[in-house]
Amino acid sequence: MLFAKVKTQFEALHYWPDAPNFLRNPHRHIFHVEVMVEQKHTDRDIEYFKFKHFLEAEIKERFAGKKFKLSCEDIAVDIKDFVMDKYRDRKIIVEVNEDGENGAVIM
């Protein structure tokens, strides 16, 4: 199986109001995002640069520079959903992590 893979990152604040520690206060992360979308053939039917521009525009609108109550898992699901809307009938893998360390993967 072939995949187009792009990586990007964005800065944002997130928090959990019910957390027993510092996590209840807004705190900054650089969220690292990696998205893979199934290619149908080796002639690259999804162009990397176009795909990355689409991904970054959607992330900027939805997440970048904002403060939100979302986990890496929530962000990964949202990204998967908007990528699936554009690239239907393809396998999609999304990874979102905090500061290049801990995070979530959804397939």
Protein backbone atom coordinates (compact mmCIF):
# COMPACT_ATOMS: atom_id res chain seq x y z
CA MET A 1 0.00 0.00 0.00
CA LEU A 2 1.30 3.47 -0.93
CA PHE A 3 0.80 6.65 1.08
CA ALA A 4 1.45 10.35 0.58
CA LYS A 5 2.95 11.62 3.85
CA VAL A 6 3.23 15.22 4.98
CA LYS A 7 4.36 16.79 8.24
CA THR A 8 3.66 20.18 9.75
CA GLN A 9 3.38 21.80 13.14
CA PHE A 10 1.51 24.58 14.89
CA GLU A 11 1.61 26.43 18.18
CA ALA A 12 -1.44 26.58 20.45
CA LEU A 13 -2.61 26.59 24.05
CA HIS A 14 -4.74 23.84 25.54
CA TYR A 15 -6.08 22.85 28.95
CA TRP A 16 -8.35 20.54 30.97
CA PRO A 17 -10.40 22.44 33.59
CA ASP A 18 -10.87 19.35 35.80
CA ALA A 19 -7.21 18.30 35.89
CA PRO A 20 -5.63 18.16 39.37
CA ASN A 21 -2.43 19.94 38.31
CA PHE A 22 -0.98 22.49 35.90
CA LEU A 23 -2.91 20.92 33.01
CA ARG A 24 -6.04 22.78 34.14
CA ASN A 25 -4.37 26.06 33.15
CA PRO A 26 -3.79 26.98 29.51
CA HIS A 27 -0.30 25.83 28.54
CA ARG A 28 1.62 26.08 25.28
CA HIS A 29 2.72 23.29 22.99
CA ILE A 30 4.11 22.94 19.53
CA PHE A 31 1.76 20.32 18.12
CA HIS A 32 3.49 18.14 15.52
CA VAL A 33 1.20 16.67 12.87
CA GLU A 34 1.91 13.87 10.41
CA VAL A 35 -0.77 12.78 7.95
CA MET A 36 -0.62 9.89 5.51
CA VAL A 37 -3.20 9.41 2.74
CA GLU A 38 -3.37 6.34 0.55
CA GLN A 39 -2.06 6.79 -2.98
CA LYS A 40 -3.83 4.92 -5.77
CA HIS A 41 -0.70 4.46 -7.91
CA THR A 42 3.02 5.29 -8.07
CA ASP A 43 2.46 8.34 -10.29
CA ARG A 44 1.59 10.35 -7.16
CA ASP A 45 -2.11 11.06 -7.56
CA ILE A 46 -1.90 13.22 -4.41
CA GLU A 47 0.83 15.83 -4.84
CA TYR A 48 2.74 16.40 -1.60
CA PHE A 49 2.93 20.20 -1.83
CA LYS A 50 -0.76 20.64 -2.65
CA PHE A 51 -1.72 18.26 0.12
CA LYS A 52 0.53 20.08 2.62
CA HIS A 53 -0.87 23.49 1.65
CA PHE A 54 -4.41 22.18 2.12
CA LEU A 55 -3.50 20.65 5.50
CA GLU A 56 -1.75 23.77 6.77
CA ALA A 57 -4.60 26.07 5.69
CA GLU A 58 -7.16 23.93 7.53
CA ILE A 59 -4.97 23.70 10.64
CA LYS A 60 -4.40 27.46 10.67
CA GLU A 61 -8.13 28.10 10.51
CA ARG A 62 -9.07 25.52 13.16
CA PHE A 63 -6.20 25.29 15.64
CA ALA A 64 -3.09 27.43 15.18
CA GLY A 65 -2.60 30.21 17.70
CA LYS A 66 -5.81 29.37 19.52
CA LYS A 67 -6.69 28.28 23.03
CA PHE A 68 -8.84 25.17 23.28
CA LYS A 69 -9.92 22.24 25.42
CA LEU A 70 -8.83 19.50 23.02
CA SER A 71 -6.47 16.57 23.42
CA CYS A 72 -4.07 15.23 20.80
CA GLU A 73 -6.68 12.53 20.21
CA ASP A 74 -9.38 15.15 19.54
CA ILE A 75 -7.15 17.07 17.15
CA ALA A 76 -6.21 13.86 15.29
CA VAL A 77 -9.88 12.94 14.85
CA ASP A 78 -10.72 16.44 13.55
CA ILE A 79 -7.83 16.31 11.07
CA LYS A 80 -8.80 12.82 9.93
CA ASP A 81 -12.36 14.02 9.33
CA PHE A 82 -11.47 17.02 7.17
CA VAL A 83 -8.86 15.03 5.22
CA MET A 84 -11.44 12.29 4.62
CA ASP A 85 -13.86 14.90 3.27
CA LYS A 86 -11.28 15.89 0.64
CA TYR A 87 -9.82 12.45 -0.12
CA ARG A 88 -12.71 10.01 0.03
CA ASP A 89 -12.35 6.24 -0.14
CA ARG A 90 -8.72 6.24 0.98
CA LYS A 91 -6.96 4.97 4.06
CA ILE A 92 -5.80 7.82 6.30
CA ILE A 93 -3.38 7.83 9.23
CA VAL A 94 -2.97 10.89 11.45
CA GLU A 95 -0.47 11.44 14.24
CA VAL A 96 -0.59 14.45 16.56
CA ASN A 97 1.92 14.89 19.36
CA GLU A 98 2.97 17.54 21.83
CA ASP A 99 6.43 19.02 21.30
CA GLY A 100 7.56 16.05 19.19
CA GLU A 101 7.14 13.65 22.09
CA ASN A 102 3.86 12.18 23.35
CA GLY A 103 0.70 11.99 21.34
CA ALA A 104 -1.95 10.03 19.50
CA VAL A 105 -2.32 8.11 16.23
CA ILE A 106 -5.61 7.39 14.48
CA MET A 107 -6.15 5.16 11.45
